[in-house]
Amino acid sequence: MRRVTRTRIAIVLLVGLVGASPHGALGQSNYQFGLTIGGTWVNTASPQARSGGYLSFQGGALLRRQLLGPLSAQAELSLAQRGVEISGPDGGSIQYGAGYLQLPLLAYVEAPVGGSVAVHAEAGGYAALKIFERQTPGGDVNASFDAGPSFFRRVDTGMMVGGGATVTVAQQRLNLTLRREWGVPDVAQTVGTQPFAEAPFPDEAEIRAWVLMLRVGL
């Protein structure tokens, strides 16, 4: 059921992305607005846990303002799913997930390489506010999901760096970006009694993610 929900979210974001397809500027040529959708491989840095990653989705909008030559400032607002999969001793697992409202602020540099193709790089930081949590069983873990505790702290911050290419097709710019994210603080919430004893949430966890994004309108 949880996997179906994530798939539905991805479909809705994709329909909105293609349907909106914003073009050009916001009144001035040095401002650009776009929509994004991405697949994300999420994990945490949890040294004491049997942790692994899993695939999730994210999507949102961004605003870019040209500063000087190829250099621009880029602000984003995304719904980003983050989490970790913890394996139990007998082969089962629990996916601990959280949805964050993420606000990255990045420096963006773009350079043409010929024809309708340009390459770019971006780097900066982000702040994120948690808006929901979920837990999904995998394998043979025996788990009841009447769990009351919150496993992730409310706020996360971190760094990100990425790069990719932009190609123009039928007068529409399509931007593909691969990005790596590192959460800085420990986001593990202190939990008195772990409700999933076979695959407990770690005492320490820093968010990690690989994000592959498609951007339209930039």
N, C-alpha and C. Protein backbone atom coordinates (compact mmCIF):
# COMPACT_ATOMS: atom_id res chain seq x y z
N MET A 1 0.82 -1.20 0.00
CA MET A 1 0.00 0.00 0.00
C MET A 1 0.86 1.26 0.00
N ARG A 2 1.96 1.28 0.83
CA ARG A 2 2.84 2.44 0.87
C ARG A 2 3.55 2.66 -0.46
N ARG A 3 3.96 1.54 -1.10
CA ARG A 3 4.63 1.67 -2.39
C ARG A 3 3.67 2.20 -3.44
N VAL A 4 2.39 1.77 -3.40
CA VAL A 4 1.38 2.29 -4.31
C VAL A 4 1.21 3.78 -4.10
N THR A 5 1.19 4.23 -2.84
CA THR A 5 1.05 5.65 -2.54
C THR A 5 2.20 6.45 -3.12
N ARG A 6 3.44 5.95 -2.98
CA ARG A 6 4.58 6.66 -3.52
C ARG A 6 4.50 6.73 -5.04
N THR A 7 4.01 5.66 -5.69
CA THR A 7 3.86 5.67 -7.14
C THR A 7 2.83 6.69 -7.58
N ARG A 8 1.73 6.79 -6.85
CA ARG A 8 0.71 7.78 -7.18
C ARG A 8 1.25 9.20 -7.06
N ILE A 9 2.03 9.45 -6.01
CA ILE A 9 2.64 10.77 -5.85
C ILE A 9 3.52 11.11 -7.04
N ALA A 10 4.31 10.13 -7.48
CA ALA A 10 5.21 10.36 -8.62
C ALA A 10 4.42 10.67 -9.89
N ILE A 11 3.30 9.94 -10.11
CA ILE A 11 2.48 10.16 -11.31
C ILE A 11 1.88 11.56 -11.29
N VAL A 12 1.36 11.98 -10.13
CA VAL A 12 0.76 13.32 -10.01
C VAL A 12 1.81 14.40 -10.31
N LEU A 13 3.01 14.24 -9.75
CA LEU A 13 4.07 15.22 -9.98
C LEU A 13 4.46 15.27 -11.46
N LEU A 14 4.52 14.10 -12.12
CA LEU A 14 4.88 14.05 -13.53
C LEU A 14 3.83 14.72 -14.39
N VAL A 15 2.55 14.47 -14.11
CA VAL A 15 1.47 15.11 -14.87
C VAL A 15 1.53 16.62 -14.72
N GLY A 16 1.75 17.08 -13.49
CA GLY A 16 1.87 18.52 -13.27
C GLY A 16 3.06 19.12 -13.97
N LEU A 17 4.16 18.40 -13.98
CA LEU A 17 5.39 18.87 -14.62
C LEU A 17 5.19 19.06 -16.12
N VAL A 18 4.62 18.04 -16.77
CA VAL A 18 4.42 18.10 -18.22
C VAL A 18 3.31 19.09 -18.58
N GLY A 19 2.26 19.10 -17.77
CA GLY A 19 1.12 19.95 -18.08
C GLY A 19 1.41 21.43 -17.92
N ALA A 20 2.19 21.78 -16.90
CA ALA A 20 2.47 23.19 -16.66
C ALA A 20 3.47 23.73 -17.66
N SER A 21 4.60 23.02 -17.84
CA SER A 21 5.65 23.38 -18.80
C SER A 21 5.86 24.88 -18.93
N PRO A 22 6.28 25.55 -17.85
CA PRO A 22 6.47 26.99 -17.93
C PRO A 22 7.55 27.35 -18.93
N HIS A 23 7.39 28.48 -19.62
CA HIS A 23 8.36 28.91 -20.61
C HIS A 23 8.88 30.28 -20.22
N GLY A 24 10.19 30.46 -20.43
CA GLY A 24 10.77 31.79 -20.35
C GLY A 24 10.85 32.34 -18.96
N ALA A 25 10.61 33.65 -18.86
CA ALA A 25 10.96 34.38 -17.65
C ALA A 25 9.73 34.83 -16.90
N LEU A 26 10.00 35.40 -15.71
CA LEU A 26 8.96 36.01 -14.90
C LEU A 26 9.04 37.52 -15.09
N GLY A 27 8.71 37.95 -16.26
CA GLY A 27 8.68 39.39 -16.51
C GLY A 27 10.03 39.96 -16.89
N GLN A 28 11.14 39.38 -16.48
CA GLN A 28 12.45 39.86 -16.82
C GLN A 28 13.28 38.69 -17.31
N SER A 29 14.20 38.99 -18.25
CA SER A 29 14.94 37.92 -18.90
C SER A 29 15.92 37.23 -17.97
N ASN A 30 16.32 37.87 -16.84
CA ASN A 30 17.29 37.25 -15.96
C ASN A 30 16.63 36.43 -14.85
N TYR A 31 15.32 36.24 -14.89
CA TYR A 31 14.61 35.37 -13.97
C TYR A 31 14.02 34.19 -14.76
N GLN A 32 14.15 32.99 -14.21
CA GLN A 32 13.56 31.81 -14.84
C GLN A 32 12.86 30.98 -13.77
N PHE A 33 11.74 30.39 -14.16
CA PHE A 33 10.96 29.54 -13.27
C PHE A 33 10.81 28.17 -13.90
N GLY A 34 10.92 27.11 -13.10
CA GLY A 34 10.77 25.76 -13.63
C GLY A 34 10.16 24.81 -12.62
N LEU A 35 9.73 23.66 -13.11
CA LEU A 35 9.21 22.59 -12.27
C LEU A 35 10.12 21.38 -12.37
N THR A 36 10.17 20.58 -11.31
CA THR A 36 11.07 19.43 -11.28
C THR A 36 10.35 18.18 -10.76
N ILE A 37 10.84 17.03 -11.23
CA ILE A 37 10.45 15.76 -10.64
C ILE A 37 11.68 14.87 -10.66
N GLY A 38 11.83 14.04 -9.62
CA GLY A 38 13.05 13.24 -9.55
C GLY A 38 12.86 11.92 -8.84
N GLY A 39 13.72 10.99 -9.18
CA GLY A 39 13.84 9.75 -8.44
C GLY A 39 15.00 9.87 -7.47
N THR A 40 14.85 9.34 -6.28
CA THR A 40 15.84 9.55 -5.22
C THR A 40 16.20 8.23 -4.57
N TRP A 41 17.50 7.98 -4.43
CA TRP A 41 17.98 6.84 -3.65
C TRP A 41 18.38 7.36 -2.28
N VAL A 42 17.62 6.99 -1.25
CA VAL A 42 17.81 7.56 0.08
C VAL A 42 18.46 6.56 1.02
N ASN A 43 19.19 7.09 1.99
CA ASN A 43 19.88 6.28 2.99
C ASN A 43 20.25 7.21 4.14
N THR A 44 20.85 6.66 5.18
CA THR A 44 21.43 7.48 6.23
C THR A 44 22.81 6.95 6.58
N ALA A 45 23.64 7.83 7.11
CA ALA A 45 24.92 7.43 7.68
C ALA A 45 24.65 7.01 9.12
N SER A 46 24.59 5.69 9.35
CA SER A 46 24.22 5.14 10.65
C SER A 46 25.22 4.04 10.99
N PRO A 47 26.31 4.37 11.64
CA PRO A 47 27.40 3.39 11.82
C PRO A 47 27.02 2.16 12.62
N GLN A 48 26.04 2.26 13.52
CA GLN A 48 25.74 1.11 14.37
C GLN A 48 24.56 0.29 13.88
N ALA A 49 24.04 0.60 12.69
CA ALA A 49 22.83 -0.08 12.21
C ALA A 49 23.11 -0.85 10.92
N ARG A 50 22.32 -1.91 10.68
CA ARG A 50 22.36 -2.63 9.41
C ARG A 50 21.47 -1.88 8.42
N SER A 51 22.03 -0.78 7.88
CA SER A 51 21.21 0.13 7.08
C SER A 51 21.44 -0.06 5.59
N GLY A 52 20.40 0.22 4.83
CA GLY A 52 20.46 0.18 3.38
C GLY A 52 19.59 1.28 2.81
N GLY A 53 19.61 1.42 1.49
CA GLY A 53 18.83 2.46 0.86
C GLY A 53 17.61 1.92 0.13
N TYR A 54 16.76 2.84 -0.31
CA TYR A 54 15.61 2.47 -1.13
C TYR A 54 15.23 3.65 -2.02
N LEU A 55 14.41 3.38 -3.02
CA LEU A 55 14.03 4.39 -4.01
C LEU A 55 12.78 5.15 -3.56
N SER A 56 12.83 6.47 -3.67
CA SER A 56 11.65 7.29 -3.40
C SER A 56 11.58 8.38 -4.48
N PHE A 57 10.70 9.37 -4.27
CA PHE A 57 10.48 10.39 -5.27
C PHE A 57 10.49 11.76 -4.63
N GLN A 58 10.72 12.79 -5.45
CA GLN A 58 10.57 14.16 -4.99
C GLN A 58 10.20 15.04 -6.16
N GLY A 59 9.62 16.18 -5.86
CA GLY A 59 9.25 17.11 -6.92
C GLY A 59 8.99 18.48 -6.33
N GLY A 60 9.00 19.49 -7.18
CA GLY A 60 8.78 20.84 -6.69
C GLY A 60 8.98 21.88 -7.77
N ALA A 61 9.38 23.08 -7.34
CA ALA A 61 9.57 24.21 -8.24
C ALA A 61 10.87 24.92 -7.88
N LEU A 62 11.38 25.67 -8.85
CA LEU A 62 12.60 26.44 -8.58
C LEU A 62 12.56 27.76 -9.31
N LEU A 63 13.32 28.72 -8.77
CA LEU A 63 13.46 30.05 -9.35
C LEU A 63 14.94 30.33 -9.50
N ARG A 64 15.35 30.76 -10.70
CA ARG A 64 16.76 31.03 -10.98
C ARG A 64 16.92 32.47 -11.45
N ARG A 65 17.92 33.15 -10.91
CA ARG A 65 18.20 34.52 -11.32
C ARG A 65 19.65 34.63 -11.77
N GLN A 66 19.84 35.12 -12.97
CA GLN A 66 21.19 35.30 -13.48
C GLN A 66 21.88 36.43 -12.74
N LEU A 67 23.13 36.19 -12.32
CA LEU A 67 23.90 37.18 -11.58
C LEU A 67 24.97 37.83 -12.44
N LEU A 68 25.85 37.00 -13.00
CA LEU A 68 26.96 37.53 -13.78
C LEU A 68 27.41 36.48 -14.78
N GLY A 69 27.26 36.76 -16.07
CA GLY A 69 27.68 35.81 -17.09
C GLY A 69 27.00 34.46 -16.91
N PRO A 70 27.78 33.38 -16.78
CA PRO A 70 27.18 32.05 -16.64
C PRO A 70 26.72 31.72 -15.22
N LEU A 71 26.95 32.61 -14.26
CA LEU A 71 26.65 32.36 -12.85
C LEU A 71 25.24 32.84 -12.50
N SER A 72 24.47 31.95 -11.86
CA SER A 72 23.12 32.29 -11.39
C SER A 72 22.94 31.84 -9.96
N ALA A 73 21.96 32.45 -9.29
CA ALA A 73 21.50 31.99 -7.98
C ALA A 73 20.21 31.22 -8.18
N GLN A 74 20.08 30.09 -7.49
CA GLN A 74 18.93 29.22 -7.68
C GLN A 74 18.31 28.87 -6.34
N ALA A 75 17.02 29.13 -6.20
CA ALA A 75 16.26 28.77 -5.00
C ALA A 75 15.21 27.74 -5.39
N GLU A 76 14.99 26.74 -4.52
CA GLU A 76 14.05 25.67 -4.81
C GLU A 76 13.09 25.47 -3.63
N LEU A 77 11.97 24.87 -3.94
CA LEU A 77 11.01 24.42 -2.93
C LEU A 77 10.52 23.05 -3.37
N SER A 78 10.85 22.00 -2.60
CA SER A 78 10.55 20.63 -3.01
C SER A 78 9.93 19.84 -1.88
N LEU A 79 9.09 18.89 -2.24
CA LEU A 79 8.66 17.84 -1.33
C LEU A 79 9.61 16.68 -1.53
N ALA A 80 10.46 16.42 -0.55
CA ALA A 80 11.54 15.43 -0.67
C ALA A 80 11.34 14.33 0.36
N GLN A 81 11.28 13.08 -0.11
CA GLN A 81 11.17 11.93 0.79
C GLN A 81 12.56 11.41 1.11
N ARG A 82 12.84 11.24 2.39
CA ARG A 82 14.13 10.77 2.86
C ARG A 82 13.90 9.62 3.85
N GLY A 83 14.94 8.79 4.07
CA GLY A 83 14.77 7.69 5.00
C GLY A 83 15.87 6.68 4.91
N VAL A 84 15.61 5.51 5.49
CA VAL A 84 16.59 4.44 5.54
C VAL A 84 15.86 3.12 5.70
N GLU A 85 16.45 2.06 5.18
CA GLU A 85 15.92 0.71 5.37
C GLU A 85 16.83 -0.04 6.34
N ILE A 86 16.26 -0.49 7.46
CA ILE A 86 17.02 -1.20 8.49
C ILE A 86 16.67 -2.69 8.41
N SER A 87 17.70 -3.51 8.29
CA SER A 87 17.51 -4.96 8.17
C SER A 87 17.49 -5.62 9.54
N GLY A 88 16.59 -6.60 9.69
CA GLY A 88 16.54 -7.40 10.91
C GLY A 88 17.51 -8.57 10.84
N PRO A 89 17.74 -9.25 11.94
CA PRO A 89 18.71 -10.35 11.97
C PRO A 89 18.28 -11.56 11.16
N ASP A 90 16.98 -11.69 10.87
CA ASP A 90 16.48 -12.88 10.18
C ASP A 90 16.04 -12.60 8.74
N GLY A 91 16.48 -11.48 8.19
CA GLY A 91 16.23 -11.21 6.78
C GLY A 91 15.14 -10.20 6.48
N GLY A 92 14.30 -9.84 7.43
CA GLY A 92 13.28 -8.82 7.18
C GLY A 92 13.85 -7.43 7.32
N SER A 93 13.03 -6.42 7.08
CA SER A 93 13.49 -5.05 7.17
C SER A 93 12.32 -4.11 7.41
N ILE A 94 12.65 -2.89 7.83
CA ILE A 94 11.68 -1.80 7.96
C ILE A 94 12.23 -0.61 7.21
N GLN A 95 11.40 -0.01 6.35
CA GLN A 95 11.75 1.26 5.73
C GLN A 95 11.20 2.39 6.58
N TYR A 96 12.11 3.15 7.19
CA TYR A 96 11.73 4.33 7.97
C TYR A 96 11.83 5.54 7.03
N GLY A 97 10.72 6.22 6.80
CA GLY A 97 10.74 7.34 5.87
C GLY A 97 10.14 8.60 6.46
N ALA A 98 10.55 9.72 5.92
CA ALA A 98 10.01 11.02 6.33
C ALA A 98 9.91 11.92 5.10
N GLY A 99 8.85 12.71 5.04
CA GLY A 99 8.69 13.68 3.97
C GLY A 99 9.07 15.05 4.46
N TYR A 100 9.97 15.70 3.76
CA TYR A 100 10.45 17.02 4.15
C TYR A 100 10.07 18.07 3.11
N LEU A 101 9.72 19.25 3.58
CA LEU A 101 9.62 20.42 2.73
C LEU A 101 11.01 21.03 2.69
N GLN A 102 11.68 20.88 1.54
CA GLN A 102 13.10 21.20 1.44
C GLN A 102 13.29 22.51 0.67
N LEU A 103 14.17 23.37 1.21
CA LEU A 103 14.44 24.67 0.60
C LEU A 103 15.94 24.80 0.33
N PRO A 104 16.41 24.38 -0.85
CA PRO A 104 17.81 24.57 -1.22
C PRO A 104 18.07 25.98 -1.76
N LEU A 105 19.30 26.46 -1.54
CA LEU A 105 19.79 27.71 -2.12
C LEU A 105 21.16 27.40 -2.71
N LEU A 106 21.29 27.57 -4.05
CA LEU A 106 22.45 27.07 -4.77
C LEU A 106 23.06 28.13 -5.67
N ALA A 107 24.37 27.96 -5.93
CA ALA A 107 25.04 28.66 -7.02
C ALA A 107 25.01 27.73 -8.24
N TYR A 108 24.64 28.27 -9.38
CA TYR A 108 24.44 27.49 -10.61
C TYR A 108 25.28 28.10 -11.73
N VAL A 109 26.07 27.26 -12.39
CA VAL A 109 26.91 27.71 -13.50
C VAL A 109 26.61 26.86 -14.72
N GLU A 110 26.38 27.52 -15.86
CA GLU A 110 26.04 26.81 -17.10
C GLU A 110 26.96 27.26 -18.22
N ALA A 111 27.35 26.30 -19.07
CA ALA A 111 28.22 26.61 -20.21
C ALA A 111 27.76 25.83 -21.43
N PRO A 112 27.58 26.49 -22.58
CA PRO A 112 27.19 25.78 -23.81
C PRO A 112 28.34 24.94 -24.33
N VAL A 113 27.99 23.80 -24.93
CA VAL A 113 29.01 22.92 -25.51
C VAL A 113 28.78 22.72 -27.00
N GLY A 114 27.80 23.41 -27.55
CA GLY A 114 27.55 23.30 -28.99
C GLY A 114 26.12 22.96 -29.30
N GLY A 115 25.60 23.59 -30.34
CA GLY A 115 24.23 23.31 -30.75
C GLY A 115 23.24 23.71 -29.67
N SER A 116 22.33 22.80 -29.34
CA SER A 116 21.29 23.08 -28.35
C SER A 116 21.60 22.44 -26.99
N VAL A 117 22.87 22.11 -26.75
CA VAL A 117 23.26 21.42 -25.53
C VAL A 117 24.14 22.31 -24.67
N ALA A 118 23.88 22.31 -23.36
CA ALA A 118 24.71 23.02 -22.40
C ALA A 118 24.92 22.12 -21.19
N VAL A 119 26.07 22.27 -20.55
CA VAL A 119 26.35 21.53 -19.32
C VAL A 119 26.32 22.51 -18.16
N HIS A 120 26.08 21.97 -16.94
CA HIS A 120 25.99 22.85 -15.78
C HIS A 120 26.50 22.14 -14.53
N ALA A 121 26.83 22.96 -13.54
CA ALA A 121 27.19 22.47 -12.20
C ALA A 121 26.49 23.35 -11.18
N GLU A 122 26.21 22.79 -10.01
CA GLU A 122 25.54 23.54 -8.96
C GLU A 122 25.99 23.05 -7.59
N ALA A 123 26.00 23.96 -6.62
CA ALA A 123 26.41 23.59 -5.27
C ALA A 123 25.82 24.60 -4.30
N GLY A 124 25.55 24.12 -3.08
CA GLY A 124 25.00 25.01 -2.06
C GLY A 124 24.53 24.22 -0.86
N GLY A 125 23.56 24.78 -0.17
CA GLY A 125 23.03 24.14 1.04
C GLY A 125 21.52 24.14 1.05
N TYR A 126 20.96 23.48 2.06
CA TYR A 126 19.51 23.42 2.16
C TYR A 126 19.07 23.39 3.63
N ALA A 127 17.84 23.78 3.84
CA ALA A 127 17.15 23.57 5.11
C ALA A 127 15.86 22.82 4.80
N ALA A 128 15.42 21.95 5.71
CA ALA A 128 14.25 21.13 5.44
C ALA A 128 13.40 20.98 6.71
N LEU A 129 12.10 21.02 6.52
CA LEU A 129 11.14 20.89 7.62
C LEU A 129 10.31 19.64 7.41
N LYS A 130 10.30 18.73 8.38
CA LYS A 130 9.55 17.48 8.27
C LYS A 130 8.05 17.75 8.34
N ILE A 131 7.29 17.12 7.41
CA ILE A 131 5.84 17.29 7.42
C ILE A 131 5.09 15.98 7.61
N PHE A 132 5.73 14.83 7.43
CA PHE A 132 5.09 13.55 7.74
C PHE A 132 6.15 12.48 7.88
N GLU A 133 5.74 11.33 8.46
CA GLU A 133 6.59 10.15 8.57
C GLU A 133 5.79 8.93 8.15
N ARG A 134 6.51 7.85 7.81
CA ARG A 134 5.87 6.58 7.49
C ARG A 134 6.86 5.46 7.77
N GLN A 135 6.34 4.25 7.99
CA GLN A 135 7.17 3.06 8.14
C GLN A 135 6.54 1.96 7.28
N THR A 136 7.40 1.23 6.54
CA THR A 136 6.95 0.20 5.61
C THR A 136 7.70 -1.09 5.89
N PRO A 137 7.00 -2.21 6.14
CA PRO A 137 7.69 -3.47 6.41
C PRO A 137 8.17 -4.13 5.12
N GLY A 138 9.25 -4.90 5.24
CA GLY A 138 9.76 -5.68 4.12
C GLY A 138 10.18 -7.05 4.60
N GLY A 139 10.09 -8.06 3.75
CA GLY A 139 10.49 -9.41 4.14
C GLY A 139 9.54 -9.98 5.17
N ASP A 140 10.09 -10.64 6.19
CA ASP A 140 9.28 -11.36 7.17
C ASP A 140 9.25 -10.68 8.53
N VAL A 141 9.49 -9.37 8.57
CA VAL A 141 9.43 -8.67 9.85
C VAL A 141 8.01 -8.68 10.37
N ASN A 142 7.85 -9.05 11.62
CA ASN A 142 6.55 -9.04 12.29
C ASN A 142 6.39 -7.70 12.98
N ALA A 143 5.57 -6.80 12.40
CA ALA A 143 5.49 -5.44 12.91
C ALA A 143 4.05 -4.96 12.97
N SER A 144 3.74 -4.28 14.05
CA SER A 144 2.47 -3.58 14.17
C SER A 144 2.73 -2.10 13.95
N PHE A 145 1.88 -1.44 13.16
CA PHE A 145 2.15 -0.06 12.81
C PHE A 145 1.26 0.92 13.57
N ASP A 146 0.94 0.56 14.81
CA ASP A 146 0.32 1.52 15.72
C ASP A 146 1.43 2.21 16.52
N ALA A 147 2.53 2.53 15.84
CA ALA A 147 3.69 3.12 16.51
C ALA A 147 3.42 4.60 16.73
N GLY A 148 3.57 5.05 17.96
CA GLY A 148 3.34 6.45 18.27
C GLY A 148 4.55 7.34 18.10
N PRO A 149 5.77 6.83 18.34
CA PRO A 149 6.92 7.74 18.38
C PRO A 149 7.30 8.28 17.01
N SER A 150 7.93 9.45 17.05
CA SER A 150 8.51 10.04 15.86
C SER A 150 9.99 9.68 15.83
N PHE A 151 10.47 9.19 14.69
CA PHE A 151 11.85 8.74 14.60
C PHE A 151 12.79 9.82 14.06
N PHE A 152 12.26 10.75 13.28
CA PHE A 152 13.08 11.80 12.67
C PHE A 152 12.82 13.14 13.35
N ARG A 153 13.87 13.90 13.55
CA ARG A 153 13.73 15.24 14.10
C ARG A 153 13.02 16.14 13.09
N ARG A 154 12.48 17.24 13.60
CA ARG A 154 11.65 18.11 12.78
C ARG A 154 12.44 18.83 11.69
N VAL A 155 13.70 19.20 11.95
CA VAL A 155 14.47 20.04 11.02
C VAL A 155 15.74 19.32 10.60
N ASP A 156 16.07 19.44 9.32
CA ASP A 156 17.34 18.94 8.79
C ASP A 156 18.00 20.04 7.98
N THR A 157 19.31 20.06 7.96
CA THR A 157 20.08 20.98 7.12
C THR A 157 21.21 20.19 6.48
N GLY A 158 21.75 20.71 5.39
CA GLY A 158 22.82 19.97 4.76
C GLY A 158 23.41 20.68 3.55
N MET A 159 24.25 19.94 2.83
CA MET A 159 24.94 20.44 1.64
C MET A 159 24.57 19.58 0.44
N MET A 160 24.70 20.17 -0.74
CA MET A 160 24.42 19.42 -1.96
C MET A 160 25.30 19.93 -3.09
N VAL A 161 25.64 19.01 -4.00
CA VAL A 161 26.42 19.36 -5.17
C VAL A 161 25.95 18.48 -6.32
N GLY A 162 25.95 19.02 -7.53
CA GLY A 162 25.45 18.24 -8.64
C GLY A 162 25.87 18.81 -9.97
N GLY A 163 25.47 18.14 -11.03
CA GLY A 163 25.76 18.59 -12.38
C GLY A 163 24.91 17.84 -13.38
N GLY A 164 24.94 18.31 -14.62
CA GLY A 164 24.13 17.66 -15.64
C GLY A 164 24.19 18.40 -16.95
N ALA A 165 23.13 18.25 -17.73
CA ALA A 165 23.08 18.84 -19.07
C ALA A 165 21.67 19.32 -19.37
N THR A 166 21.61 20.32 -20.24
CA THR A 166 20.34 20.87 -20.72
C THR A 166 20.31 20.76 -22.24
N VAL A 167 19.19 20.26 -22.76
CA VAL A 167 19.03 20.14 -24.21
C VAL A 167 17.69 20.76 -24.59
N THR A 168 17.66 21.43 -25.73
CA THR A 168 16.43 22.05 -26.21
C THR A 168 15.79 21.15 -27.26
N VAL A 169 14.54 20.76 -27.00
CA VAL A 169 13.78 19.90 -27.91
C VAL A 169 12.46 20.58 -28.21
N ALA A 170 12.23 20.87 -29.50
CA ALA A 170 10.98 21.52 -29.92
C ALA A 170 10.73 22.80 -29.11
N GLN A 171 11.77 23.62 -28.96
CA GLN A 171 11.73 24.90 -28.26
C GLN A 171 11.47 24.75 -26.76
N GLN A 172 11.59 23.56 -26.22
CA GLN A 172 11.42 23.31 -24.79
C GLN A 172 12.75 22.85 -24.20
N ARG A 173 13.25 23.57 -23.19
CA ARG A 173 14.51 23.21 -22.54
C ARG A 173 14.25 22.11 -21.51
N LEU A 174 14.98 21.02 -21.63
CA LEU A 174 14.90 19.90 -20.69
C LEU A 174 16.23 19.80 -19.97
N ASN A 175 16.19 19.85 -18.66
CA ASN A 175 17.38 19.89 -17.83
C ASN A 175 17.42 18.62 -16.99
N LEU A 176 18.49 17.82 -17.16
CA LEU A 176 18.66 16.59 -16.39
C LEU A 176 19.84 16.80 -15.45
N THR A 177 19.62 16.57 -14.15
CA THR A 177 20.63 16.84 -13.13
C THR A 177 20.76 15.66 -12.18
N LEU A 178 21.99 15.27 -11.90
CA LEU A 178 22.30 14.28 -10.87
C LEU A 178 22.92 15.02 -9.70
N ARG A 179 22.37 14.81 -8.49
CA ARG A 179 22.81 15.57 -7.33
C ARG A 179 23.04 14.65 -6.13
N ARG A 180 24.06 14.99 -5.35
CA ARG A 180 24.37 14.27 -4.11
C ARG A 180 24.08 15.20 -2.94
N GLU A 181 23.40 14.66 -1.91
CA GLU A 181 23.05 15.44 -0.73
C GLU A 181 23.62 14.80 0.52
N TRP A 182 24.14 15.65 1.40
CA TRP A 182 24.66 15.21 2.70
C TRP A 182 23.97 15.99 3.81
N GLY A 183 23.20 15.32 4.65
CA GLY A 183 22.66 15.97 5.82
C GLY A 183 23.74 16.15 6.87
N VAL A 184 23.76 17.28 7.54
CA VAL A 184 24.81 17.58 8.52
C VAL A 184 24.45 17.13 9.93
N PRO A 185 23.26 17.47 10.46
CA PRO A 185 22.97 17.10 11.85
C PRO A 185 22.49 15.66 12.00
N ASP A 186 22.55 15.17 13.20
CA ASP A 186 21.95 13.88 13.56
C ASP A 186 20.43 14.09 13.61
N VAL A 187 19.69 13.39 12.75
CA VAL A 187 18.23 13.57 12.69
C VAL A 187 17.47 12.50 13.47
N ALA A 188 18.20 11.57 14.13
CA ALA A 188 17.53 10.51 14.87
C ALA A 188 16.91 11.07 16.15
N GLN A 189 15.61 10.87 16.27
CA GLN A 189 14.88 11.28 17.46
C GLN A 189 15.09 10.26 18.57
N THR A 190 15.23 10.73 19.80
CA THR A 190 15.36 9.81 20.92
C THR A 190 14.04 9.09 21.17
N VAL A 191 14.09 7.76 21.11
CA VAL A 191 12.89 6.94 21.30
C VAL A 191 13.11 6.04 22.51
N GLY A 192 12.23 6.14 23.49
CA GLY A 192 12.42 5.36 24.71
C GLY A 192 12.35 3.87 24.48
N THR A 193 11.26 3.41 23.86
CA THR A 193 11.08 1.99 23.54
C THR A 193 10.86 1.84 22.05
N GLN A 194 11.75 1.09 21.40
CA GLN A 194 11.64 0.90 19.96
C GLN A 194 10.44 -0.01 19.65
N PRO A 195 9.46 0.43 18.83
CA PRO A 195 8.29 -0.40 18.54
C PRO A 195 8.60 -1.55 17.59
N PHE A 196 9.68 -1.45 16.83
CA PHE A 196 10.05 -2.50 15.88
C PHE A 196 11.37 -3.10 16.34
N ALA A 197 11.30 -3.98 17.32
CA ALA A 197 12.51 -4.49 17.97
C ALA A 197 13.41 -5.28 17.04
N GLU A 198 12.84 -5.92 16.01
CA GLU A 198 13.66 -6.72 15.09
C GLU A 198 14.51 -5.85 14.17
N ALA A 199 14.08 -4.63 13.91
CA ALA A 199 14.82 -3.72 13.03
C ALA A 199 14.68 -2.31 13.58
N PRO A 200 15.31 -2.01 14.71
CA PRO A 200 15.12 -0.72 15.37
C PRO A 200 15.77 0.43 14.61
N PHE A 201 15.16 1.60 14.73
CA PHE A 201 15.74 2.80 14.14
C PHE A 201 17.04 3.13 14.87
N PRO A 202 18.08 3.57 14.13
CA PRO A 202 19.38 3.81 14.78
C PRO A 202 19.36 4.98 15.75
N ASP A 203 20.29 4.95 16.69
CA ASP A 203 20.43 6.05 17.65
C ASP A 203 21.04 7.29 17.00
N GLU A 204 21.79 7.09 15.92
CA GLU A 204 22.38 8.20 15.18
C GLU A 204 22.08 8.02 13.69
N ALA A 205 21.74 9.12 13.03
CA ALA A 205 21.43 9.03 11.60
C ALA A 205 21.60 10.40 10.95
N GLU A 206 22.42 10.44 9.91
CA GLU A 206 22.58 11.64 9.09
C GLU A 206 22.08 11.31 7.68
N ILE A 207 21.22 12.14 7.15
CA ILE A 207 20.57 11.86 5.88
C ILE A 207 21.55 11.92 4.72
N ARG A 208 21.41 10.95 3.81
CA ARG A 208 22.17 10.90 2.57
C ARG A 208 21.19 10.63 1.42
N ALA A 209 21.49 11.17 0.23
CA ALA A 209 20.61 10.94 -0.91
C ALA A 209 21.34 11.19 -2.22
N TRP A 210 21.02 10.36 -3.22
CA TRP A 210 21.33 10.63 -4.62
C TRP A 210 20.02 10.99 -5.30
N VAL A 211 20.00 12.09 -6.04
CA VAL A 211 18.77 12.57 -6.68
C VAL A 211 19.02 12.76 -8.17
N LEU A 212 18.17 12.12 -9.01
CA LEU A 212 18.20 12.34 -10.45
C LEU A 212 16.93 13.09 -10.82
N MET A 213 17.09 14.33 -11.31
CA MET A 213 15.95 15.23 -11.53
C MET A 213 15.80 15.62 -12.99
N LEU A 214 14.56 15.71 -13.41
CA LEU A 214 14.20 16.30 -14.69
C LEU A 214 13.55 17.64 -14.42
N ARG A 215 14.07 18.69 -15.04
CA ARG A 215 13.53 20.04 -14.88
C ARG A 215 13.01 20.53 -16.21
N VAL A 216 11.86 21.19 -16.17
CA VAL A 216 11.22 21.71 -17.38
C VAL A 216 10.98 23.20 -17.19
N GLY A 217 11.26 23.99 -18.24
CA GLY A 217 10.96 25.40 -18.21
C GLY A 217 12.14 26.29 -17.99
N LEU A 218 13.35 25.72 -17.84
CA LEU A 218 14.54 26.51 -17.58
C LEU A 218 15.47 26.51 -18.79
